[in-house]
Amino acid sequence: MRLFIMFDLPVETSRERRDYRKFVKFLLNEGYVRSQYSIYCKLILNRGTLNHQLSKLKQNLPSNGIVQTLIVTEKQFSDMTYLVGEPSTKYDVNTTERMLEL
């Protein structure tokens, strides 16, 4: 399954900008990949991992703004249609393979 994080955060004050950067940095460190400007996605292998990720997200939420989650199955994700443009090949988010680097 895929966990999508969608957010709209204010960036008017320096504190809000800092909270925004901190939240995005948290998402990237947790392995999320940016799908669009304020939409990040991560492959989740089971319900236990999903519950763990959701609890970590709740601990790292910014103080203001809107943060939403959406869970889709791999079948739903693979049925995504690109109406304009092509999928980014910068990150291969369409694979369920695990890679171990030593």
PDB file of N, CA and C in Angstrom:
ATOM      1  N   MET A   1       0.838  -1.178   0.000  1.00  0.00           N
ATOM      2  CA  MET A   1       0.000   0.000   0.000  1.00  0.00           C
ATOM      3  C   MET A   1       0.877   1.233   0.000  1.00  0.00           C
ATOM      4  N   ARG A   2       0.293   2.339  -0.392  1.00  0.00           N
ATOM      5  CA  ARG A   2       1.011   3.617  -0.409  1.00  0.00           C
ATOM      6  C   ARG A   2       0.360   4.576   0.566  1.00  0.00           C
ATOM      7  N   LEU A   3       1.181   5.286   1.294  1.00  0.00           N
ATOM      8  CA  LEU A   3       0.712   6.316   2.203  1.00  0.00           C
ATOM      9  C   LEU A   3       1.062   7.668   1.591  1.00  0.00           C
ATOM     10  N   PHE A   4       0.048   8.436   1.279  1.00  0.00           N
ATOM     11  CA  PHE A   4       0.236   9.775   0.747  1.00  0.00           C
ATOM     12  C   PHE A   4       0.049  10.781   1.865  1.00  0.00           C
ATOM     13  N   ILE A   5       0.930  11.764   1.931  1.00  0.00           N
ATOM     14  CA  ILE A   5       0.825  12.877   2.853  1.00  0.00           C
ATOM     15  C   ILE A   5       0.615  14.117   1.998  1.00  0.00           C
ATOM     16  N   MET A   6      -0.487  14.813   2.243  1.00  0.00           N
ATOM     17  CA  MET A   6      -0.799  16.036   1.509  1.00  0.00           C
ATOM     18  C   MET A   6      -0.906  17.160   2.532  1.00  0.00           C
ATOM     19  N   PHE A   7      -0.278  18.282   2.257  1.00  0.00           N
ATOM     20  CA  PHE A   7      -0.302  19.350   3.247  1.00  0.00           C
ATOM     21  C   PHE A   7      -0.323  20.722   2.601  1.00  0.00           C
ATOM     22  N   ASP A   8      -0.857  21.646   3.360  1.00  0.00           N
ATOM     23  CA  ASP A   8      -0.879  23.061   3.007  1.00  0.00           C
ATOM     24  C   ASP A   8      -0.485  23.813   4.271  1.00  0.00           C
ATOM     25  N   LEU A   9       0.746  24.276   4.305  1.00  0.00           N
ATOM     26  CA  LEU A   9       1.270  24.915   5.504  1.00  0.00           C
ATOM     27  C   LEU A   9       1.535  26.393   5.246  1.00  0.00           C
ATOM     28  N   PRO A  10       1.219  27.246   6.216  1.00  0.00           N
ATOM     29  CA  PRO A  10       1.511  28.671   6.050  1.00  0.00           C
ATOM     30  C   PRO A  10       3.008  28.921   6.127  1.00  0.00           C
ATOM     31  N   VAL A  11       3.476  29.904   5.380  1.00  0.00           N
ATOM     32  CA  VAL A  11       4.911  30.250   5.382  1.00  0.00           C
ATOM     33  C   VAL A  11       5.090  31.776   5.431  1.00  0.00           C
ATOM     34  N   GLU A  12       4.247  32.429   6.200  1.00  0.00           N
ATOM     35  CA  GLU A  12       4.306  33.889   6.261  1.00  0.00           C
ATOM     36  C   GLU A  12       5.321  34.399   7.269  1.00  0.00           C
ATOM     37  N   THR A  13       5.466  33.748   8.406  1.00  0.00           N
ATOM     38  CA  THR A  13       6.421  34.182   9.418  1.00  0.00           C
ATOM     39  C   THR A  13       7.649  33.268   9.388  1.00  0.00           C
ATOM     40  N   SER A  14       8.697  33.709  10.042  1.00  0.00           N
ATOM     41  CA  SER A  14       9.914  32.894  10.071  1.00  0.00           C
ATOM     42  C   SER A  14       9.677  31.584  10.825  1.00  0.00           C
ATOM     43  N   ARG A  15       8.849  31.608  11.859  1.00  0.00           N
ATOM     44  CA  ARG A  15       8.538  30.367  12.597  1.00  0.00           C
ATOM     45  C   ARG A  15       7.777  29.400  11.702  1.00  0.00           C
ATOM     46  N   GLU A  16       6.825  29.892  10.916  1.00  0.00           N
ATOM     47  CA  GLU A  16       6.064  29.026  10.021  1.00  0.00           C
ATOM     48  C   GLU A  16       6.952  28.432   8.938  1.00  0.00           C
ATOM     49  N   ARG A  17       7.879  29.224   8.417  1.00  0.00           N
ATOM     50  CA  ARG A  17       8.820  28.706   7.413  1.00  0.00           C
ATOM     51  C   ARG A  17       9.730  27.639   8.017  1.00  0.00           C
ATOM     52  N   ARG A  18      10.154  27.865   9.252  1.00  0.00           N
ATOM     53  CA  ARG A  18      10.993  26.878   9.937  1.00  0.00           C
ATOM     54  C   ARG A  18      10.211  25.581  10.168  1.00  0.00           C
ATOM     55  N   ASP A  19       8.947  25.704  10.604  1.00  0.00           N
ATOM     56  CA  ASP A  19       8.103  24.513  10.791  1.00  0.00           C
ATOM     57  C   ASP A  19       7.910  23.765   9.478  1.00  0.00           C
ATOM     58  N   TYR A  20       7.720  24.499   8.386  1.00  0.00           N
ATOM     59  CA  TYR A  20       7.560  23.882   7.063  1.00  0.00           C
ATOM     60  C   TYR A  20       8.808  23.090   6.686  1.00  0.00           C
ATOM     61  N   ARG A  21       9.974  23.728   6.801  1.00  0.00           N
ATOM     62  CA  ARG A  21      11.232  23.051   6.457  1.00  0.00           C
ATOM     63  C   ARG A  21      11.474  21.829   7.338  1.00  0.00           C
ATOM     64  N   LYS A  22      11.168  21.960   8.623  1.00  0.00           N
ATOM     65  CA  LYS A  22      11.352  20.847   9.557  1.00  0.00           C
ATOM     66  C   LYS A  22      10.445  19.676   9.184  1.00  0.00           C
ATOM     67  N   PHE A  23       9.193  19.952   8.807  1.00  0.00           N
ATOM     68  CA  PHE A  23       8.257  18.894   8.439  1.00  0.00           C
ATOM     69  C   PHE A  23       8.693  18.195   7.153  1.00  0.00           C
ATOM     70  N   VAL A  24       9.091  18.973   6.151  1.00  0.00           N
ATOM     71  CA  VAL A  24       9.547  18.376   4.890  1.00  0.00           C
ATOM     72  C   VAL A  24      10.814  17.558   5.117  1.00  0.00           C
ATOM     73  N   LYS A  25      11.709  18.046   5.934  1.00  0.00           N
ATOM     74  CA  LYS A  25      12.939  17.302   6.243  1.00  0.00           C
ATOM     75  C   LYS A  25      12.600  15.992   6.953  1.00  0.00           C
ATOM     76  N   PHE A  26      11.639  16.020   7.862  1.00  0.00           N
ATOM     77  CA  PHE A  26      11.193  14.801   8.533  1.00  0.00           C
ATOM     78  C   PHE A  26      10.672  13.789   7.512  1.00  0.00           C
ATOM     79  N   LEU A  27       9.820  14.242   6.583  1.00  0.00           N
ATOM     80  CA  LEU A  27       9.266  13.337   5.576  1.00  0.00           C
ATOM     81  C   LEU A  27      10.378  12.703   4.735  1.00  0.00           C
ATOM     82  N   LEU A  28      11.324  13.510   4.287  1.00  0.00           N
ATOM     83  CA  LEU A  28      12.420  12.988   3.462  1.00  0.00           C
ATOM     84  C   LEU A  28      13.282  12.003   4.240  1.00  0.00           C
ATOM     85  N   ASN A  29      13.551  12.299   5.509  1.00  0.00           N
ATOM     86  CA  ASN A  29      14.354  11.389   6.337  1.00  0.00           C
ATOM     87  C   ASN A  29      13.636  10.073   6.606  1.00  0.00           C
ATOM     88  N   GLU A  30      12.308  10.096   6.579  1.00  0.00           N
ATOM     89  CA  GLU A  30      11.517   8.888   6.798  1.00  0.00           C
ATOM     90  C   GLU A  30      11.331   8.073   5.520  1.00  0.00           C
ATOM     91  N   GLY A  31      11.841   8.560   4.398  1.00  0.00           N
ATOM     92  CA  GLY A  31      11.766   7.800   3.163  1.00  0.00           C
ATOM     93  C   GLY A  31      10.622   8.163   2.244  1.00  0.00           C
ATOM     94  N   TYR A  32       9.949   9.256   2.519  1.00  0.00           N
ATOM     95  CA  TYR A  32       8.882   9.713   1.631  1.00  0.00           C
ATOM     96  C   TYR A  32       9.497  10.342   0.388  1.00  0.00           C
ATOM     97  N   VAL A  33       8.793  10.237  -0.718  1.00  0.00           N
ATOM     98  CA  VAL A  33       9.247  10.799  -1.984  1.00  0.00           C
ATOM     99  C   VAL A  33       8.214  11.817  -2.436  1.00  0.00           C
ATOM    100  N   ARG A  34       8.692  12.961  -2.896  1.00  0.00           N
ATOM    101  CA  ARG A  34       7.777  14.013  -3.341  1.00  0.00           C
ATOM    102  C   ARG A  34       7.137  13.626  -4.666  1.00  0.00           C
ATOM    103  N   SER A  35       5.807  13.548  -4.679  1.00  0.00           N
ATOM    104  CA  SER A  35       5.065  13.258  -5.907  1.00  0.00           C
ATOM    105  C   SER A  35       4.712  14.539  -6.635  1.00  0.00           C
ATOM    106  N   GLN A  36       4.270  15.522  -5.884  1.00  0.00           N
ATOM    107  CA  GLN A  36       3.987  16.853  -6.399  1.00  0.00           C
ATOM    108  C   GLN A  36       4.400  17.840  -5.325  1.00  0.00           C
ATOM    109  N   TYR A  37       4.097  19.108  -5.527  1.00  0.00           N
ATOM    110  CA  TYR A  37       4.660  20.144  -4.665  1.00  0.00           C
ATOM    111  C   TYR A  37       4.448  19.872  -3.177  1.00  0.00           C
ATOM    112  N   SER A  38       3.247  19.639  -2.718  1.00  0.00           N
ATOM    113  CA  SER A  38       2.998  19.372  -1.301  1.00  0.00           C
ATOM    114  C   SER A  38       2.367  18.004  -1.097  1.00  0.00           C
ATOM    115  N   ILE A  39       2.775  17.055  -1.919  1.00  0.00           N
ATOM    116  CA  ILE A  39       2.276  15.684  -1.814  1.00  0.00           C
ATOM    117  C   ILE A  39       3.477  14.742  -1.787  1.00  0.00           C
ATOM    118  N   TYR A  40       3.566  13.983  -0.705  1.00  0.00           N
ATOM    119  CA  TYR A  40       4.657  13.033  -0.543  1.00  0.00           C
ATOM    120  C   TYR A  40       4.069  11.633  -0.412  1.00  0.00           C
ATOM    121  N   CYS A  41       4.826  10.629  -0.833  1.00  0.00           N
ATOM    122  CA  CYS A  41       4.330   9.260  -0.894  1.00  0.00           C
ATOM    123  C   CYS A  41       5.397   8.308  -0.347  1.00  0.00           C
ATOM    124  N   LYS A  42       4.918   7.255   0.306  1.00  0.00           N
ATOM    125  CA  LYS A  42       5.843   6.233   0.812  1.00  0.00           C
ATOM    126  C   LYS A  42       5.196   4.863   0.665  1.00  0.00           C
ATOM    127  N   LEU A  43       6.002   3.882   0.282  1.00  0.00           N
ATOM    128  CA  LEU A  43       5.558   2.495   0.203  1.00  0.00           C
ATOM    129  C   LEU A  43       5.489   1.923   1.612  1.00  0.00           C
ATOM    130  N   ILE A  44       4.343   1.344   1.951  1.00  0.00           N
ATOM    131  CA  ILE A  44       4.126   0.745   3.262  1.00  0.00           C
ATOM    132  C   ILE A  44       3.835  -0.733   3.053  1.00  0.00           C
ATOM    133  N   LEU A  45       4.565  -1.600   3.731  1.00  0.00           N
ATOM    134  CA  LEU A  45       4.449  -3.030   3.469  1.00  0.00           C
ATOM    135  C   LEU A  45       3.355  -3.739   4.252  1.00  0.00           C
ATOM    136  N   ASN A  46       2.995  -3.217   5.444  1.00  0.00           N
ATOM    137  CA  ASN A  46       1.957  -3.890   6.230  1.00  0.00           C
ATOM    138  C   ASN A  46       1.297  -2.905   7.187  1.00  0.00           C
ATOM    139  N   ARG A  47       0.244  -3.369   7.865  1.00  0.00           N
ATOM    140  CA  ARG A  47      -0.528  -2.505   8.777  1.00  0.00           C
ATOM    141  C   ARG A  47       0.298  -2.052   9.972  1.00  0.00           C
ATOM    142  N   GLY A  48       1.177  -2.909  10.464  1.00  0.00           N
ATOM    143  CA  GLY A  48       2.028  -2.527  11.586  1.00  0.00           C
ATOM    144  C   GLY A  48       2.912  -1.347  11.235  1.00  0.00           C
ATOM    145  N   THR A  49       3.515  -1.397  10.056  1.00  0.00           N
ATOM    146  CA  THR A  49       4.353  -0.290   9.580  1.00  0.00           C
ATOM    147  C   THR A  49       3.506   0.958   9.387  1.00  0.00           C
ATOM    148  N   LEU A  50       2.303   0.794   8.867  1.00  0.00           N
ATOM    149  CA  LEU A  50       1.404   1.934   8.673  1.00  0.00           C
ATOM    150  C   LEU A  50       1.094   2.609  10.000  1.00  0.00           C
ATOM    151  N   ASN A  51       0.725   1.833  11.001  1.00  0.00           N
ATOM    152  CA  ASN A  51       0.419   2.399  12.317  1.00  0.00           C
ATOM    153  C   ASN A  51       1.628   3.111  12.915  1.00  0.00           C
ATOM    154  N   HIS A  52       2.817   2.530  12.734  1.00  0.00           N
ATOM    155  CA  HIS A  52       4.049   3.149  13.225  1.00  0.00           C
ATOM    156  C   HIS A  52       4.302   4.486  12.524  1.00  0.00           C
ATOM    157  N   GLN A  53       4.144   4.512  11.199  1.00  0.00           N
ATOM    158  CA  GLN A  53       4.352   5.754  10.451  1.00  0.00           C
ATOM    159  C   GLN A  53       3.353   6.825  10.849  1.00  0.00           C
ATOM    160  N   LEU A  54       2.106   6.440  11.046  1.00  0.00           N
ATOM    161  CA  LEU A  54       1.084   7.412  11.441  1.00  0.00           C
ATOM    162  C   LEU A  54       1.388   7.998  12.819  1.00  0.00           C
ATOM    163  N   SER A  55       1.861   7.179  13.743  1.00  0.00           N
ATOM    164  CA  SER A  55       2.198   7.706  15.070  1.00  0.00           C
ATOM    165  C   SER A  55       3.402   8.645  14.996  1.00  0.00           C
ATOM    166  N   LYS A  56       4.392   8.319  14.151  1.00  0.00           N
ATOM    167  CA  LYS A  56       5.545   9.214  13.993  1.00  0.00           C
ATOM    168  C   LYS A  56       5.129  10.531  13.343  1.00  0.00           C
ATOM    169  N   LEU A  57       4.208  10.448  12.385  1.00  0.00           N
ATOM    170  CA  LEU A  57       3.700  11.675  11.762  1.00  0.00           C
ATOM    171  C   LEU A  57       3.022  12.568  12.787  1.00  0.00           C
ATOM    172  N   LYS A  58       2.205  11.980  13.639  1.00  0.00           N
ATOM    173  CA  LYS A  58       1.489  12.751  14.656  1.00  0.00           C
ATOM    174  C   LYS A  58       2.449  13.435  15.613  1.00  0.00           C
ATOM    175  N   GLN A  59       3.594  12.821  15.863  1.00  0.00           N
ATOM    176  CA  GLN A  59       4.591  13.410  16.759  1.00  0.00           C
ATOM    177  C   GLN A  59       5.350  14.559  16.099  1.00  0.00           C
ATOM    178  N   ASN A  60       5.339  14.624  14.767  1.00  0.00           N
ATOM    179  CA  ASN A  60       6.139  15.621  14.052  1.00  0.00           C
ATOM    180  C   ASN A  60       5.300  16.606  13.247  1.00  0.00           C
ATOM    181  N   LEU A  61       4.046  16.766  13.607  1.00  0.00           N
ATOM    182  CA  LEU A  61       3.176  17.686  12.881  1.00  0.00           C
ATOM    183  C   LEU A  61       3.542  19.139  13.179  1.00  0.00           C
ATOM    184  N   PRO A  62       3.431  20.003  12.178  1.00  0.00           N
ATOM    185  CA  PRO A  62       3.621  21.428  12.433  1.00  0.00           C
ATOM    186  C   PRO A  62       2.451  21.978  13.248  1.00  0.00           C
ATOM    187  N   SER A  63       2.635  23.142  13.855  1.00  0.00           N
ATOM    188  CA  SER A  63       1.605  23.688  14.739  1.00  0.00           C
ATOM    189  C   SER A  63       0.416  24.267  13.973  1.00  0.00           C
ATOM    190  N   ASN A  64       0.615  24.722  12.731  1.00  0.00           N
ATOM    191  CA  ASN A  64      -0.450  25.325  11.924  1.00  0.00           C
ATOM    192  C   ASN A  64      -0.560  24.625  10.586  1.00  0.00           C
ATOM    193  N   GLY A  65      -1.667  24.893   9.894  1.00  0.00           N
ATOM    194  CA  GLY A  65      -1.831  24.371   8.545  1.00  0.00           C
ATOM    195  C   GLY A  65      -2.712  23.143   8.500  1.00  0.00           C
ATOM    196  N   ILE A  66      -2.730  22.508   7.334  1.00  0.00           N
ATOM    197  CA  ILE A  66      -3.529  21.316   7.102  1.00  0.00           C
ATOM    198  C   ILE A  66      -2.599  20.196   6.648  1.00  0.00           C
ATOM    199  N   VAL A  67      -2.711  19.038   7.281  1.00  0.00           N
ATOM    200  CA  VAL A  67      -1.956  17.851   6.887  1.00  0.00           C
ATOM    201  C   VAL A  67      -2.965  16.708   6.784  1.00  0.00           C
ATOM    202  N   GLN A  68      -3.000  16.052   5.632  1.00  0.00           N
ATOM    203  CA  GLN A  68      -3.936  14.963   5.403  1.00  0.00           C
ATOM    204  C   GLN A  68      -3.176  13.724   4.950  1.00  0.00           C
ATOM    205  N   THR A  69      -3.765  12.544   5.227  1.00  0.00           N
ATOM    206  CA  THR A  69      -3.192  11.293   4.751  1.00  0.00           C
ATOM    207  C   THR A  69      -4.200  10.587   3.863  1.00  0.00           C
ATOM    208  N   LEU A  70      -3.682   9.803   2.947  1.00  0.00           N
ATOM    209  CA  LEU A  70      -4.506   8.980   2.069  1.00  0.00           C
ATOM    210  C   LEU A  70      -3.774   7.665   1.870  1.00  0.00           C
ATOM    211  N   ILE A  71      -4.475   6.567   2.071  1.00  0.00           N
ATOM    212  CA  ILE A  71      -3.883   5.240   1.906  1.00  0.00           C
ATOM    213  C   ILE A  71      -4.516   4.607   0.675  1.00  0.00           C
ATOM    214  N   VAL A  72      -3.677   4.162  -0.257  1.00  0.00           N
ATOM    215  CA  VAL A  72      -4.176   3.481  -1.453  1.00  0.00           C
ATOM    216  C   VAL A  72      -3.449   2.146  -1.590  1.00  0.00           C
ATOM    217  N   THR A  73      -4.127   1.191  -2.182  1.00  0.00           N
ATOM    218  CA  THR A  73      -3.511  -0.113  -2.411  1.00  0.00           C
ATOM    219  C   THR A  73      -2.568  -0.023  -3.604  1.00  0.00           C
ATOM    220  N   GLU A  74      -1.731  -1.029  -3.763  1.00  0.00           N
ATOM    221  CA  GLU A  74      -0.821  -1.059  -4.911  1.00  0.00           C
ATOM    222  C   GLU A  74      -1.600  -1.136  -6.224  1.00  0.00           C
ATOM    223  N   LYS A  75      -2.720  -1.841  -6.223  1.00  0.00           N
ATOM    224  CA  LYS A  75      -3.554  -1.929  -7.428  1.00  0.00           C
ATOM    225  C   LYS A  75      -4.098  -0.550  -7.792  1.00  0.00           C
ATOM    226  N   GLN A  76      -4.601   0.187  -6.812  1.00  0.00           N
ATOM    227  CA  GLN A  76      -5.099   1.533  -7.065  1.00  0.00           C
ATOM    228  C   GLN A  76      -3.967   2.445  -7.531  1.00  0.00           C
ATOM    229  N   PHE A  77      -2.802   2.312  -6.903  1.00  0.00           N
ATOM    230  CA  PHE A  77      -1.665   3.143  -7.268  1.00  0.00           C
ATOM    231  C   PHE A  77      -1.208   2.847  -8.697  1.00  0.00           C
ATOM    232  N   SER A  78      -1.200   1.572  -9.070  1.00  0.00           N
ATOM    233  CA  SER A  78      -0.748   1.207 -10.418  1.00  0.00           C
ATOM    234  C   SER A  78      -1.741   1.630 -11.493  1.00  0.00           C
ATOM    235  N   ASP A  79      -2.996   1.877 -11.111  1.00  0.00           N
ATOM    236  CA  ASP A  79      -4.001   2.343 -12.059  1.00  0.00           C
ATOM    237  C   ASP A  79      -3.969   3.857 -12.281  1.00  0.00           C
ATOM    238  N   MET A  80      -3.017   4.547 -11.657  1.00  0.00           N
ATOM    239  CA  MET A  80      -2.914   5.993 -11.816  1.00  0.00           C
ATOM    240  C   MET A  80      -2.619   6.326 -13.271  1.00  0.00           C
ATOM    241  N   THR A  81      -3.326   7.314 -13.797  1.00  0.00           N
ATOM    242  CA  THR A  81      -3.152   7.741 -15.180  1.00  0.00           C
ATOM    243  C   THR A  81      -2.555   9.137 -15.195  1.00  0.00           C
ATOM    244  N   TYR A  82      -1.537   9.330 -15.995  1.00  0.00           N
ATOM    245  CA  TYR A  82      -0.937  10.642 -16.172  1.00  0.00           C
ATOM    246  C   TYR A  82      -1.622  11.312 -17.352  1.00  0.00           C
ATOM    247  N   LEU A  83      -2.363  12.371 -17.102  1.00  0.00           N
ATOM    248  CA  LEU A  83      -3.084  13.068 -18.166  1.00  0.00           C
ATOM    249  C   LEU A  83      -2.160  14.014 -18.933  1.00  0.00           C
ATOM    250  N   VAL A  84      -1.249  14.642 -18.221  1.00  0.00           N
ATOM    251  CA  VAL A  84      -0.252  15.513 -18.839  1.00  0.00           C
ATOM    252  C   VAL A  84       1.078  15.208 -18.177  1.00  0.00           C
ATOM    253  N   GLY A  85       2.118  15.076 -18.952  1.00  0.00           N
ATOM    254  CA  GLY A  85       3.436  14.817 -18.393  1.00  0.00           C
ATOM    255  C   GLY A  85       3.702  13.333 -18.221  1.00  0.00           C
ATOM    256  N   GLU A  86       4.882  13.052 -17.754  1.00  0.00           N
ATOM    257  CA  GLU A  86       5.348  11.684 -17.558  1.00  0.00           C
ATOM    258  C   GLU A  86       5.768  11.508 -16.104  1.00  0.00           C
ATOM    259  N   PRO A  87       5.701  10.276 -15.611  1.00  0.00           N
ATOM    260  CA  PRO A  87       6.176  10.036 -14.240  1.00  0.00           C
ATOM    261  C   PRO A  87       7.672  10.307 -14.134  1.00  0.00           C
ATOM    262  N   SER A  88       8.075  10.815 -12.998  1.00  0.00           N
ATOM    263  CA  SER A  88       9.477  11.123 -12.769  1.00  0.00           C
ATOM    264  C   SER A  88      10.267   9.824 -12.596  1.00  0.00           C
ATOM    265  N   THR A  89      11.390   9.745 -13.263  1.00  0.00           N
ATOM    266  CA  THR A  89      12.265   8.582 -13.099  1.00  0.00           C
ATOM    267  C   THR A  89      13.382   8.874 -12.097  1.00  0.00           C
ATOM    268  N   LYS A  90      13.329  10.068 -11.474  1.00  0.00           N
ATOM    269  CA  LYS A  90      14.348  10.424 -10.490  1.00  0.00           C
ATOM    270  C   LYS A  90      14.337   9.448  -9.317  1.00  0.00           C
ATOM    271  N   TYR A  91      13.135   9.091  -8.865  1.00  0.00           N
ATOM    272  CA  TYR A  91      12.981   8.122  -7.787  1.00  0.00           C
ATOM    273  C   TYR A  91      12.076   7.022  -8.304  1.00  0.00           C
ATOM    274  N   ASP A  92      12.485   5.801  -8.107  1.00  0.00           N
ATOM    275  CA  ASP A  92      11.665   4.682  -8.566  1.00  0.00           C
ATOM    276  C   ASP A  92      10.701   4.308  -7.453  1.00  0.00           C
ATOM    277  N   VAL A  93       9.551   4.993  -7.395  1.00  0.00           N
ATOM    278  CA  VAL A  93       8.582   4.740  -6.330  1.00  0.00           C
ATOM    279  C   VAL A  93       7.583   3.670  -6.737  1.00  0.00           C
ATOM    280  N   ASN A  94       7.726   3.097  -7.930  1.00  0.00           N
ATOM    281  CA  ASN A  94       6.788   2.083  -8.400  1.00  0.00           C
ATOM    282  C   ASN A  94       7.293   0.672  -8.162  1.00  0.00           C
ATOM    283  N   THR A  95       8.250   0.508  -7.301  1.00  0.00           N
ATOM    284  CA  THR A  95       8.798  -0.813  -7.051  1.00  0.00           C
ATOM    285  C   THR A  95       8.592  -1.210  -5.592  1.00  0.00           C
ATOM    286  N   THR A  96       8.396  -2.490  -5.372  1.00  0.00           N
ATOM    287  CA  THR A  96       8.278  -2.989  -4.003  1.00  0.00           C
ATOM    288  C   THR A  96       9.549  -3.700  -3.566  1.00  0.00           C
ATOM    289  N   GLU A  97      10.583  -3.641  -4.396  1.00  0.00           N
ATOM    290  CA  GLU A  97      11.846  -4.294  -4.068  1.00  0.00           C
ATOM    291  C   GLU A  97      12.527  -3.573  -2.918  1.00  0.00           C
ATOM    292  N   ARG A  98      13.185  -4.345  -2.103  1.00  0.00           N
ATOM    293  CA  ARG A  98      13.981  -3.763  -1.028  1.00  0.00           C
ATOM    294  C   ARG A  98      15.439  -3.837  -1.422  1.00  0.00           C
ATOM    295  N   MET A  99      16.196  -2.832  -1.025  1.00  0.00           N
ATOM    296  CA  MET A  99      17.602  -2.810  -1.383  1.00  0.00           C
ATOM    297  C   MET A  99      18.411  -2.607  -0.117  1.00  0.00           C
ATOM    298  N   LEU A 100      19.447  -3.408   0.036  1.00  0.00           N
ATOM    299  CA  LEU A 100      20.337  -3.310   1.171  1.00  0.00           C
ATOM    300  C   LEU A 100      21.701  -2.875   0.694  1.00  0.00           C
ATOM    301  N   GLU A 101      22.155  -1.719   1.197  1.00  0.00           N
ATOM    302  CA  GLU A 101      23.491  -1.233   0.844  1.00  0.00           C
ATOM    303  C   GLU A 101      24.387  -1.425   2.045  1.00  0.00           C
ATOM    304  N   LEU A 102      25.551  -1.991   1.810  1.00  0.00           N
ATOM    305  CA  LEU A 102      26.512  -2.203   2.901  1.00  0.00           C
ATOM    306  C   LEU A 102      27.682  -1.264   2.766  1.00  0.00           C
TER     307      LEU A 102
END
